[in-house]
Amino acid sequence: YVLTGFPFKVDDRIQAIESLVNNIENQLVD
């Protein structure tokens, strides 16, 4: 949704999502 949507600070928003995904996959966060 972010990649194809409104082009406001897309890189920052994607980075926040990917960081959370990485933490979940690597069991760094409950």
PDB file of all heavy atoms in Angstrom:
ATOM      1  N   TYR A   1       0.838  -1.206   0.000  1.00  0.00           N
ATOM      2  CA  TYR A   1       0.000   0.000   0.000  1.00  0.00           C
ATOM      3  C   TYR A   1       0.873   1.257   0.000  1.00  0.00           C
ATOM      4  O   TYR A   1       0.597   2.219  -0.736  1.00  0.00           O
ATOM      5  CB  TYR A   1      -0.907  -0.014   1.235  1.00  0.00           C
ATOM      6  CG  TYR A   1      -1.576   1.302   1.539  1.00  0.00           C
ATOM      7  CD1 TYR A   1      -2.750   1.675   0.890  1.00  0.00           C
ATOM      8  CD2 TYR A   1      -1.020   2.178   2.479  1.00  0.00           C
ATOM      9  CE1 TYR A   1      -3.357   2.904   1.174  1.00  0.00           C
ATOM     10  CE2 TYR A   1      -1.626   3.398   2.766  1.00  0.00           C
ATOM     11  CZ  TYR A   1      -2.788   3.753   2.115  1.00  0.00           C
ATOM     12  OH  TYR A   1      -3.382   4.958   2.392  1.00  0.00           O
ATOM     13  N   VAL A   2       1.931   1.265   0.799  1.00  0.00           N
ATOM     14  CA  VAL A   2       2.815   2.428   0.880  1.00  0.00           C
ATOM     15  C   VAL A   2       3.592   2.605  -0.423  1.00  0.00           C
ATOM     16  O   VAL A   2       3.735   3.727  -0.935  1.00  0.00           O
ATOM     17  CB  VAL A   2       3.784   2.299   2.072  1.00  0.00           C
ATOM     18  CG1 VAL A   2       4.817   3.424   2.058  1.00  0.00           C
ATOM     19  CG2 VAL A   2       3.021   2.311   3.382  1.00  0.00           C
ATOM     20  N   LEU A   3       4.074   1.502  -0.994  1.00  0.00           N
ATOM     21  CA  LEU A   3       4.870   1.578  -2.221  1.00  0.00           C
ATOM     22  C   LEU A   3       4.087   2.138  -3.399  1.00  0.00           C
ATOM     23  O   LEU A   3       4.639   2.836  -4.257  1.00  0.00           O
ATOM     24  CB  LEU A   3       5.414   0.187  -2.580  1.00  0.00           C
ATOM     25  CG  LEU A   3       6.575  -0.336  -1.727  1.00  0.00           C
ATOM     26  CD1 LEU A   3       6.859  -1.793  -2.052  1.00  0.00           C
ATOM     27  CD2 LEU A   3       7.825   0.517  -1.941  1.00  0.00           C
ATOM     28  N   THR A   4       2.811   1.831  -3.473  1.00  0.00           N
ATOM     29  CA  THR A   4       2.000   2.257  -4.612  1.00  0.00           C
ATOM     30  C   THR A   4       1.135   3.478  -4.307  1.00  0.00           C
ATOM     31  O   THR A   4       0.419   3.963  -5.183  1.00  0.00           O
ATOM     32  CB  THR A   4       1.083   1.107  -5.075  1.00  0.00           C
ATOM     33  OG1 THR A   4       0.250   0.696  -3.981  1.00  0.00           O
ATOM     34  CG2 THR A   4       1.906  -0.075  -5.550  1.00  0.00           C
ATOM     35  N   GLY A   5       1.191   3.949  -3.065  1.00  0.00           N
ATOM     36  CA  GLY A   5       0.303   5.031  -2.661  1.00  0.00           C
ATOM     37  C   GLY A   5       0.940   6.398  -2.673  1.00  0.00           C
ATOM     38  O   GLY A   5       1.918   6.657  -3.380  1.00  0.00           O
ATOM     39  N   PHE A   6       0.389   7.269  -1.893  1.00  0.00           N
ATOM     40  CA  PHE A   6       0.791   8.670  -1.830  1.00  0.00           C
ATOM     41  C   PHE A   6       2.295   8.793  -1.581  1.00  0.00           C
ATOM     42  O   PHE A   6       2.831   8.215  -0.625  1.00  0.00           O
ATOM     43  CB  PHE A   6       0.008   9.337  -0.691  1.00  0.00           C
ATOM     44  CG  PHE A   6       0.101  10.823  -0.656  1.00  0.00           C
ATOM     45  CD1 PHE A   6      -0.444  11.609  -1.667  1.00  0.00           C
ATOM     46  CD2 PHE A   6       0.709  11.463   0.422  1.00  0.00           C
ATOM     47  CE1 PHE A   6      -0.381  12.988  -1.609  1.00  0.00           C
ATOM     48  CE2 PHE A   6       0.774  12.841   0.482  1.00  0.00           C
ATOM     49  CZ  PHE A   6       0.234  13.608  -0.536  1.00  0.00           C
ATOM     50  N   PRO A   7       3.014   9.580  -2.415  1.00  0.00           N
ATOM     51  CA  PRO A   7       4.485   9.588  -2.372  1.00  0.00           C
ATOM     52  C   PRO A   7       5.085  10.508  -1.313  1.00  0.00           C
ATOM     53  O   PRO A   7       5.950  11.338  -1.609  1.00  0.00           O
ATOM     54  CB  PRO A   7       4.849  10.064  -3.787  1.00  0.00           C
ATOM     55  CG  PRO A   7       3.758  11.010  -4.135  1.00  0.00           C
ATOM     56  CD  PRO A   7       2.510  10.418  -3.520  1.00  0.00           C
ATOM     57  N   PHE A   8       4.646  10.328  -0.081  1.00  0.00           N
ATOM     58  CA  PHE A   8       5.172  11.161   1.002  1.00  0.00           C
ATOM     59  C   PHE A   8       6.098  10.331   1.881  1.00  0.00           C
ATOM     60  O   PHE A   8       5.675   9.350   2.495  1.00  0.00           O
ATOM     61  CB  PHE A   8       4.017  11.718   1.842  1.00  0.00           C
ATOM     62  CG  PHE A   8       4.473  12.450   3.084  1.00  0.00           C
ATOM     63  CD1 PHE A   8       5.098  13.674   2.985  1.00  0.00           C
ATOM     64  CD2 PHE A   8       4.272  11.896   4.340  1.00  0.00           C
ATOM     65  CE1 PHE A   8       5.527  14.350   4.119  1.00  0.00           C
ATOM     66  CE2 PHE A   8       4.692  12.565   5.485  1.00  0.00           C
ATOM     67  CZ  PHE A   8       5.321  13.789   5.371  1.00  0.00           C
ATOM     68  N   LYS A   9       7.386  10.715   1.897  1.00  0.00           N
ATOM     69  CA  LYS A   9       8.389  10.038   2.728  1.00  0.00           C
ATOM     70  C   LYS A   9       8.262   8.513   2.628  1.00  0.00           C
ATOM     71  O   LYS A   9       8.261   7.790   3.632  1.00  0.00           O
ATOM     72  CB  LYS A   9       8.248  10.481   4.191  1.00  0.00           C
ATOM     73  CG  LYS A   9       8.650  11.934   4.435  1.00  0.00           C
ATOM     74  CD  LYS A   9       8.609  12.278   5.908  1.00  0.00           C
ATOM     75  CE  LYS A   9       9.133  13.671   6.193  1.00  0.00           C
ATOM     76  NZ  LYS A   9      10.578  13.814   5.963  1.00  0.00           N
ATOM     77  N   VAL A  10       8.171   8.033   1.414  1.00  0.00           N
ATOM     78  CA  VAL A  10       7.969   6.596   1.186  1.00  0.00           C
ATOM     79  C   VAL A  10       9.120   5.787   1.766  1.00  0.00           C
ATOM     80  O   VAL A  10       8.900   4.749   2.404  1.00  0.00           O
ATOM     81  CB  VAL A  10       7.802   6.311  -0.321  1.00  0.00           C
ATOM     82  CG1 VAL A  10       7.754   4.811  -0.578  1.00  0.00           C
ATOM     83  CG2 VAL A  10       6.521   6.965  -0.839  1.00  0.00           C
ATOM     84  N   ASP A  11      10.346   6.241   1.549  1.00  0.00           N
ATOM     85  CA  ASP A  11      11.511   5.480   2.034  1.00  0.00           C
ATOM     86  C   ASP A  11      11.475   5.322   3.559  1.00  0.00           C
ATOM     87  O   ASP A  11      11.762   4.240   4.087  1.00  0.00           O
ATOM     88  CB  ASP A  11      12.811   6.186   1.623  1.00  0.00           C
ATOM     89  CG  ASP A  11      13.046   6.126   0.115  1.00  0.00           C
ATOM     90  OD1 ASP A  11      12.405   5.288  -0.547  1.00  0.00           O
ATOM     91  OD2 ASP A  11      13.846   6.949  -0.387  1.00  0.00           O
ATOM     92  N   ASP A  12      11.123   6.403   4.262  1.00  0.00           N
ATOM     93  CA  ASP A  12      11.067   6.344   5.721  1.00  0.00           C
ATOM     94  C   ASP A  12       9.966   5.392   6.190  1.00  0.00           C
ATOM     95  O   ASP A  12      10.159   4.622   7.147  1.00  0.00           O
ATOM     96  CB  ASP A  12      10.821   7.736   6.302  1.00  0.00           C
ATOM     97  CG  ASP A  12      11.984   8.681   6.061  1.00  0.00           C
ATOM     98  OD1 ASP A  12      13.080   8.197   5.741  1.00  0.00           O
ATOM     99  OD2 ASP A  12      11.789   9.910   6.198  1.00  0.00           O
ATOM    100  N   ARG A  13       8.821   5.450   5.528  1.00  0.00           N
ATOM    101  CA  ARG A  13       7.703   4.592   5.933  1.00  0.00           C
ATOM    102  C   ARG A  13       8.000   3.123   5.638  1.00  0.00           C
ATOM    103  O   ARG A  13       7.697   2.240   6.448  1.00  0.00           O
ATOM    104  CB  ARG A  13       6.419   5.039   5.217  1.00  0.00           C
ATOM    105  CG  ARG A  13       5.903   6.386   5.724  1.00  0.00           C
ATOM    106  CD  ARG A  13       5.128   7.142   4.664  1.00  0.00           C
ATOM    107  NE  ARG A  13       3.870   6.497   4.328  1.00  0.00           N
ATOM    108  CZ  ARG A  13       3.218   6.730   3.184  1.00  0.00           C
ATOM    109  NH1 ARG A  13       3.720   7.551   2.278  1.00  0.00           N
ATOM    110  NH2 ARG A  13       2.063   6.126   2.961  1.00  0.00           N
ATOM    111  N   ILE A  14       8.634   2.870   4.502  1.00  0.00           N
ATOM    112  CA  ILE A  14       8.998   1.488   4.159  1.00  0.00           C
ATOM    113  C   ILE A  14      10.052   0.966   5.129  1.00  0.00           C
ATOM    114  O   ILE A  14      10.019  -0.194   5.559  1.00  0.00           O
ATOM    115  CB  ILE A  14       9.515   1.410   2.704  1.00  0.00           C
ATOM    116  CG1 ILE A  14       8.362   1.661   1.722  1.00  0.00           C
ATOM    117  CG2 ILE A  14      10.151   0.054   2.430  1.00  0.00           C
ATOM    118  CD1 ILE A  14       7.259   0.633   1.773  1.00  0.00           C
ATOM    119  N   GLN A  15      11.004   1.825   5.478  1.00  0.00           N
ATOM    120  CA  GLN A  15      12.054   1.413   6.419  1.00  0.00           C
ATOM    121  C   GLN A  15      11.455   1.012   7.758  1.00  0.00           C
ATOM    122  O   GLN A  15      11.894   0.020   8.376  1.00  0.00           O
ATOM    123  CB  GLN A  15      13.054   2.546   6.598  1.00  0.00           C
ATOM    124  CG  GLN A  15      14.233   2.175   7.496  1.00  0.00           C
ATOM    125  CD  GLN A  15      15.239   3.310   7.636  1.00  0.00           C
ATOM    126  OE1 GLN A  15      15.059   4.387   7.069  1.00  0.00           O
ATOM    127  NE2 GLN A  15      16.296   3.068   8.398  1.00  0.00           N
ATOM    128  N   ALA A  16      10.453   1.744   8.227  1.00  0.00           N
ATOM    129  CA  ALA A  16       9.810   1.407   9.500  1.00  0.00           C
ATOM    130  C   ALA A  16       9.119   0.046   9.420  1.00  0.00           C
ATOM    131  O   ALA A  16       9.181  -0.755  10.357  1.00  0.00           O
ATOM    132  CB  ALA A  16       8.802   2.493   9.867  1.00  0.00           C
ATOM    133  N   ILE A  17       8.470  -0.230   8.289  1.00  0.00           N
ATOM    134  CA  ILE A  17       7.791  -1.520   8.111  1.00  0.00           C
ATOM    135  C   ILE A  17       8.806  -2.656   8.061  1.00  0.00           C
ATOM    136  O   ILE A  17       8.656  -3.687   8.729  1.00  0.00           O
ATOM    137  CB  ILE A  17       6.934  -1.507   6.835  1.00  0.00           C
ATOM    138  CG1 ILE A  17       5.813  -0.473   6.940  1.00  0.00           C
ATOM    139  CG2 ILE A  17       6.339  -2.896   6.573  1.00  0.00           C
ATOM    140  CD1 ILE A  17       5.069  -0.235   5.644  1.00  0.00           C
ATOM    141  N   GLU A  18       9.858  -2.467   7.245  1.00  0.00           N
ATOM    142  CA  GLU A  18      10.862  -3.530   7.089  1.00  0.00           C
ATOM    143  C   GLU A  18      11.606  -3.804   8.393  1.00  0.00           C
ATOM    144  O   GLU A  18      11.985  -4.956   8.669  1.00  0.00           O
ATOM    145  CB  GLU A  18      11.842  -3.150   5.978  1.00  0.00           C
ATOM    146  CG  GLU A  18      11.202  -3.183   4.582  1.00  0.00           C
ATOM    147  CD  GLU A  18      12.174  -2.791   3.491  1.00  0.00           C
ATOM    148  OE1 GLU A  18      13.222  -2.180   3.829  1.00  0.00           O
ATOM    149  OE2 GLU A  18      11.901  -3.082   2.317  1.00  0.00           O
ATOM    150  N   SER A  19      11.822  -2.753   9.172  1.00  0.00           N
ATOM    151  CA  SER A  19      12.485  -2.941  10.467  1.00  0.00           C
ATOM    152  C   SER A  19      11.632  -3.807  11.381  1.00  0.00           C
ATOM    153  O   SER A  19      12.147  -4.714  12.063  1.00  0.00           O
ATOM    154  CB  SER A  19      12.748  -1.579  11.103  1.00  0.00           C
ATOM    155  OG  SER A  19      13.300  -1.730  12.394  1.00  0.00           O
ATOM    156  N   LEU A  20      10.321  -3.557  11.393  1.00  0.00           N
ATOM    157  CA  LEU A  20       9.423  -4.351  12.230  1.00  0.00           C
ATOM    158  C   LEU A  20       9.354  -5.787  11.725  1.00  0.00           C
ATOM    159  O   LEU A  20       9.383  -6.744  12.526  1.00  0.00           O
ATOM    160  CB  LEU A  20       8.028  -3.724  12.236  1.00  0.00           C
ATOM    161  CG  LEU A  20       6.966  -4.453  13.064  1.00  0.00           C
ATOM    162  CD1 LEU A  20       7.433  -4.629  14.518  1.00  0.00           C
ATOM    163  CD2 LEU A  20       5.638  -3.690  13.018  1.00  0.00           C
ATOM    164  N   VAL A  21       9.298  -5.970  10.406  1.00  0.00           N
ATOM    165  CA  VAL A  21       9.266  -7.316   9.830  1.00  0.00           C
ATOM    166  C   VAL A  21      10.530  -8.078  10.206  1.00  0.00           C
ATOM    167  O   VAL A  21      10.480  -9.255  10.584  1.00  0.00           O
ATOM    168  CB  VAL A  21       9.111  -7.249   8.292  1.00  0.00           C
ATOM    169  CG1 VAL A  21       9.364  -8.616   7.666  1.00  0.00           C
ATOM    170  CG2 VAL A  21       7.723  -6.751   7.919  1.00  0.00           C
ATOM    171  N   ASN A  22      11.671  -7.401  10.109  1.00  0.00           N
ATOM    172  CA  ASN A  22      12.948  -8.040  10.450  1.00  0.00           C
ATOM    173  C   ASN A  22      12.978  -8.465  11.921  1.00  0.00           C
ATOM    174  O   ASN A  22      13.445  -9.575  12.257  1.00  0.00           O
ATOM    175  CB  ASN A  22      14.093  -7.069  10.165  1.00  0.00           C
ATOM    176  CG  ASN A  22      15.449  -7.653  10.487  1.00  0.00           C
ATOM    177  OD1 ASN A  22      15.923  -8.572   9.827  1.00  0.00           O
ATOM    178  ND2 ASN A  22      16.087  -7.113  11.528  1.00  0.00           N
ATOM    179  N   ASN A  23      12.461  -7.618  12.782  1.00  0.00           N
ATOM    180  CA  ASN A  23      12.433  -7.958  14.212  1.00  0.00           C
ATOM    181  C   ASN A  23      11.525  -9.155  14.490  1.00  0.00           C
ATOM    182  O   ASN A  23      11.825  -9.991  15.349  1.00  0.00           O
ATOM    183  CB  ASN A  23      11.972  -6.751  15.027  1.00  0.00           C
ATOM    184  CG  ASN A  23      13.012  -5.647  15.072  1.00  0.00           C
ATOM    185  OD1 ASN A  23      14.207  -5.897  14.843  1.00  0.00           O
ATOM    186  ND2 ASN A  23      12.579  -4.441  15.366  1.00  0.00           N
ATOM    187  N   ILE A  24      10.408  -9.230  13.766  1.00  0.00           N
ATOM    188  CA  ILE A  24       9.482 -10.351  13.960  1.00  0.00           C
ATOM    189  C   ILE A  24      10.112 -11.650  13.460  1.00  0.00           C
ATOM    190  O   ILE A  24      10.081 -12.687  14.138  1.00  0.00           O
ATOM    191  CB  ILE A  24       8.150 -10.078  13.218  1.00  0.00           C
ATOM    192  CG1 ILE A  24       7.421  -8.890  13.847  1.00  0.00           C
ATOM    193  CG2 ILE A  24       7.250 -11.320  13.249  1.00  0.00           C
ATOM    194  CD1 ILE A  24       6.224  -8.413  13.049  1.00  0.00           C
ATOM    195  N   GLU A  25      10.692 -11.598  12.255  1.00  0.00           N
ATOM    196  CA  GLU A  25      11.258 -12.806  11.651  1.00  0.00           C
ATOM    197  C   GLU A  25      12.444 -13.330  12.462  1.00  0.00           C
ATOM    198  O   GLU A  25      12.668 -14.550  12.530  1.00  0.00           O
ATOM    199  CB  GLU A  25      11.684 -12.510  10.211  1.00  0.00           C
ATOM    200  CG  GLU A  25      10.504 -12.298   9.262  1.00  0.00           C
ATOM    201  CD  GLU A  25      10.942 -11.969   7.856  1.00  0.00           C
ATOM    202  OE1 GLU A  25      12.097 -11.474   7.692  1.00  0.00           O
ATOM    203  OE2 GLU A  25      10.149 -12.172   6.922  1.00  0.00           O
ATOM    204  N   ASN A  26      13.194 -12.426  13.047  1.00  0.00           N
ATOM    205  CA  ASN A  26      14.374 -12.831  13.823  1.00  0.00           C
ATOM    206  C   ASN A  26      14.086 -12.944  15.322  1.00  0.00           C
ATOM    207  O   ASN A  26      15.019 -13.042  16.121  1.00  0.00           O
ATOM    208  CB  ASN A  26      15.522 -11.846  13.582  1.00  0.00           C
ATOM    209  CG  ASN A  26      16.054 -11.913  12.157  1.00  0.00           C
ATOM    210  OD1 ASN A  26      16.695 -12.890  11.768  1.00  0.00           O
ATOM    211  ND2 ASN A  26      15.773 -10.880  11.392  1.00  0.00           N
ATOM    212  N   GLN A  27      12.785 -12.895  15.659  1.00  0.00           N
ATOM    213  CA  GLN A  27      12.334 -13.063  17.041  1.00  0.00           C
ATOM    214  C   GLN A  27      12.998 -12.077  17.997  1.00  0.00           C
ATOM    215  O   GLN A  27      13.337 -12.395  19.126  1.00  0.00           O
ATOM    216  CB  GLN A  27      12.586 -14.510  17.497  1.00  0.00           C
ATOM    217  CG  GLN A  27      11.836 -15.536  16.664  1.00  0.00           C
ATOM    218  CD  GLN A  27      12.083 -16.962  17.131  1.00  0.00           C
ATOM    219  OE1 GLN A  27      12.968 -17.214  17.963  1.00  0.00           O
ATOM    220  NE2 GLN A  27      11.294 -17.897  16.614  1.00  0.00           N
ATOM    221  N   LEU A  28      13.179 -10.844  17.484  1.00  0.00           N
ATOM    222  CA  LEU A  28      13.761  -9.795  18.307  1.00  0.00           C
ATOM    223  C   LEU A  28      12.689  -9.020  19.073  1.00  0.00           C
ATOM    224  O   LEU A  28      13.016  -8.170  19.907  1.00  0.00           O
ATOM    225  CB  LEU A  28      14.570  -8.824  17.430  1.00  0.00           C
ATOM    226  CG  LEU A  28      15.752  -9.447  16.669  1.00  0.00           C
ATOM    227  CD1 LEU A  28      16.407  -8.405  15.780  1.00  0.00           C
ATOM    228  CD2 LEU A  28      16.756 -10.048  17.656  1.00  0.00           C
ATOM    229  N   VAL A  29      11.429  -9.295  18.756  1.00  0.00           N
ATOM    230  CA  VAL A  29      10.323  -8.632  19.431  1.00  0.00           C
ATOM    231  C   VAL A  29       9.206  -9.648  19.644  1.00  0.00           C
ATOM    232  O   VAL A  29       8.983 -10.523  18.808  1.00  0.00           O
ATOM    233  CB  VAL A  29       9.814  -7.424  18.613  1.00  0.00           C
ATOM    234  CG1 VAL A  29       9.289  -7.850  17.251  1.00  0.00           C
ATOM    235  CG2 VAL A  29       8.745  -6.654  19.377  1.00  0.00           C
ATOM    236  N   ASP A  30       8.559  -9.543  20.765  1.00  0.00           N
ATOM    237  CA  ASP A  30       7.438 -10.427  21.044  1.00  0.00           C
ATOM    238  C   ASP A  30       6.301 -10.122  20.061  1.00  0.00           C
ATOM    239  O   ASP A  30       5.997  -8.950  19.813  1.00  0.00           O
ATOM    240  CB  ASP A  30       6.958 -10.196  22.482  1.00  0.00           C
ATOM    241  CG  ASP A  30       5.784 -11.099  22.825  1.00  0.00           C
ATOM    242  OD1 ASP A  30       6.022 -12.277  23.135  1.00  0.00           O
ATOM    243  OD2 ASP A  30       4.628 -10.599  22.751  1.00  0.00           O
TER     244      ASP A  30
END
